[in-house]
Protein backbone atom coordinates (compact mmCIF):
# COMPACT_ATOMS: atom_id res chain seq x y z
CA MET A 1 -45.67 -125.94 46.93
CA ILE A 2 -48.94 -124.13 46.45
CA SER A 3 -51.12 -125.52 43.74
CA ASN A 4 -53.55 -123.57 41.63
CA ASP A 5 -56.24 -126.12 42.02
CA ASN A 6 -58.39 -123.98 44.04
CA PRO A 7 -58.33 -120.13 43.42
CA GLU A 8 -60.67 -119.74 46.40
CA ASP A 9 -57.81 -121.01 48.74
CA PRO A 10 -56.65 -118.05 50.80
CA ASP A 11 -52.95 -118.76 50.09
CA THR A 12 -53.58 -118.88 46.39
CA ALA A 13 -55.73 -115.70 46.52
CA THR A 14 -53.04 -113.91 48.55
CA LEU A 15 -50.36 -114.93 46.01
CA LEU A 16 -52.54 -114.02 43.03
CA ALA A 17 -53.24 -110.49 44.62
CA GLU A 18 -49.44 -109.99 45.21
CA LEU A 19 -48.68 -111.17 41.66
CA GLU A 20 -51.18 -108.60 40.32
CA ARG A 21 -49.66 -105.89 42.46
CA LEU A 22 -46.15 -106.63 41.38
CA ARG A 23 -47.21 -106.70 37.59
CA LEU A 24 -48.89 -103.30 37.95
CA GLU A 25 -45.66 -101.87 39.71
CA HIS A 26 -43.54 -103.39 36.90
CA HIS A 27 -45.73 -101.78 34.25
CA ASP A 28 -45.61 -98.44 36.05
CA LEU A 29 -41.85 -98.49 36.16
CA GLU A 30 -41.62 -99.42 32.55
CA ALA A 31 -43.78 -96.37 31.77
CA ALA A 32 -41.70 -94.21 34.08
CA ILE A 33 -38.46 -95.28 32.43
CA ALA A 34 -39.87 -94.67 28.87
CA ALA A 35 -41.14 -91.28 29.86
CA LEU A 36 -37.75 -90.24 31.31
CA ILE A 37 -35.93 -91.53 28.12
CA ALA A 38 -38.54 -89.69 25.90
CA VAL A 39 -37.99 -86.40 27.51
CA GLY A 40 -34.26 -86.75 27.30
CA ALA A 41 -33.62 -86.98 30.98
CA VAL A 42 -29.97 -87.13 31.53
CA ASP A 43 -30.08 -88.56 35.04
CA GLN A 44 -28.70 -91.99 34.03
CA LEU A 45 -28.29 -92.95 37.64
CA GLN A 46 -31.99 -92.58 38.26
CA ILE A 47 -32.81 -94.42 35.09
CA GLY A 48 -30.41 -97.23 36.11
CA ARG A 49 -32.11 -97.40 39.60
CA LEU A 50 -35.44 -97.75 37.97
CA LYS A 51 -34.25 -100.48 35.66
CA LYS A 52 -32.67 -102.35 38.51
CA ARG A 53 -35.96 -102.14 40.45
CA LYS A 54 -37.87 -103.29 37.37
CA LEU A 55 -35.65 -106.37 37.05
CA ALA A 56 -35.97 -107.22 40.74
CA LEU A 57 -39.80 -107.04 40.41
CA ARG A 58 -39.55 -109.37 37.29
CA ASP A 59 -37.75 -111.82 39.42
CA LYS A 60 -40.34 -111.78 42.15
CA ILE A 61 -43.08 -112.04 39.48
CA VAL A 62 -41.43 -115.23 37.96
CA PHE A 63 -41.01 -116.68 41.52
CA LEU A 64 -44.61 -116.24 42.30
CA GLU A 65 -45.69 -117.54 38.90
CA ASP A 66 -43.64 -120.67 39.70
CA GLN A 67 -45.33 -121.04 42.98
CA LEU A 68 -48.80 -120.93 41.48
CA THR A 69 -47.95 -123.36 38.77
CA PRO A 70 -48.31 -127.02 39.76
CA ASP A 71 -45.39 -129.19 39.09
CA ILE A 72 -45.85 -131.73 36.32
CA ILE A 73 -44.24 -135.10 36.95
CA ALA A 74 -42.91 -136.32 33.64
């Protein structure tokens, strides 16, 4: 488990950079899907693939956020 105690830690910095990259890609996919829907694109297969990719990115984002969040022992 990687803690977020020291943002200067190379592992933490790497995870934060990857997390930011994934968030940006997720946002870009969201915009692309919205644009395709707005122009009335009928290629449902392409839209479905983009949505599937967006969900996969969301899963990776959640996983990385969990890695960066320290466990709290109750």
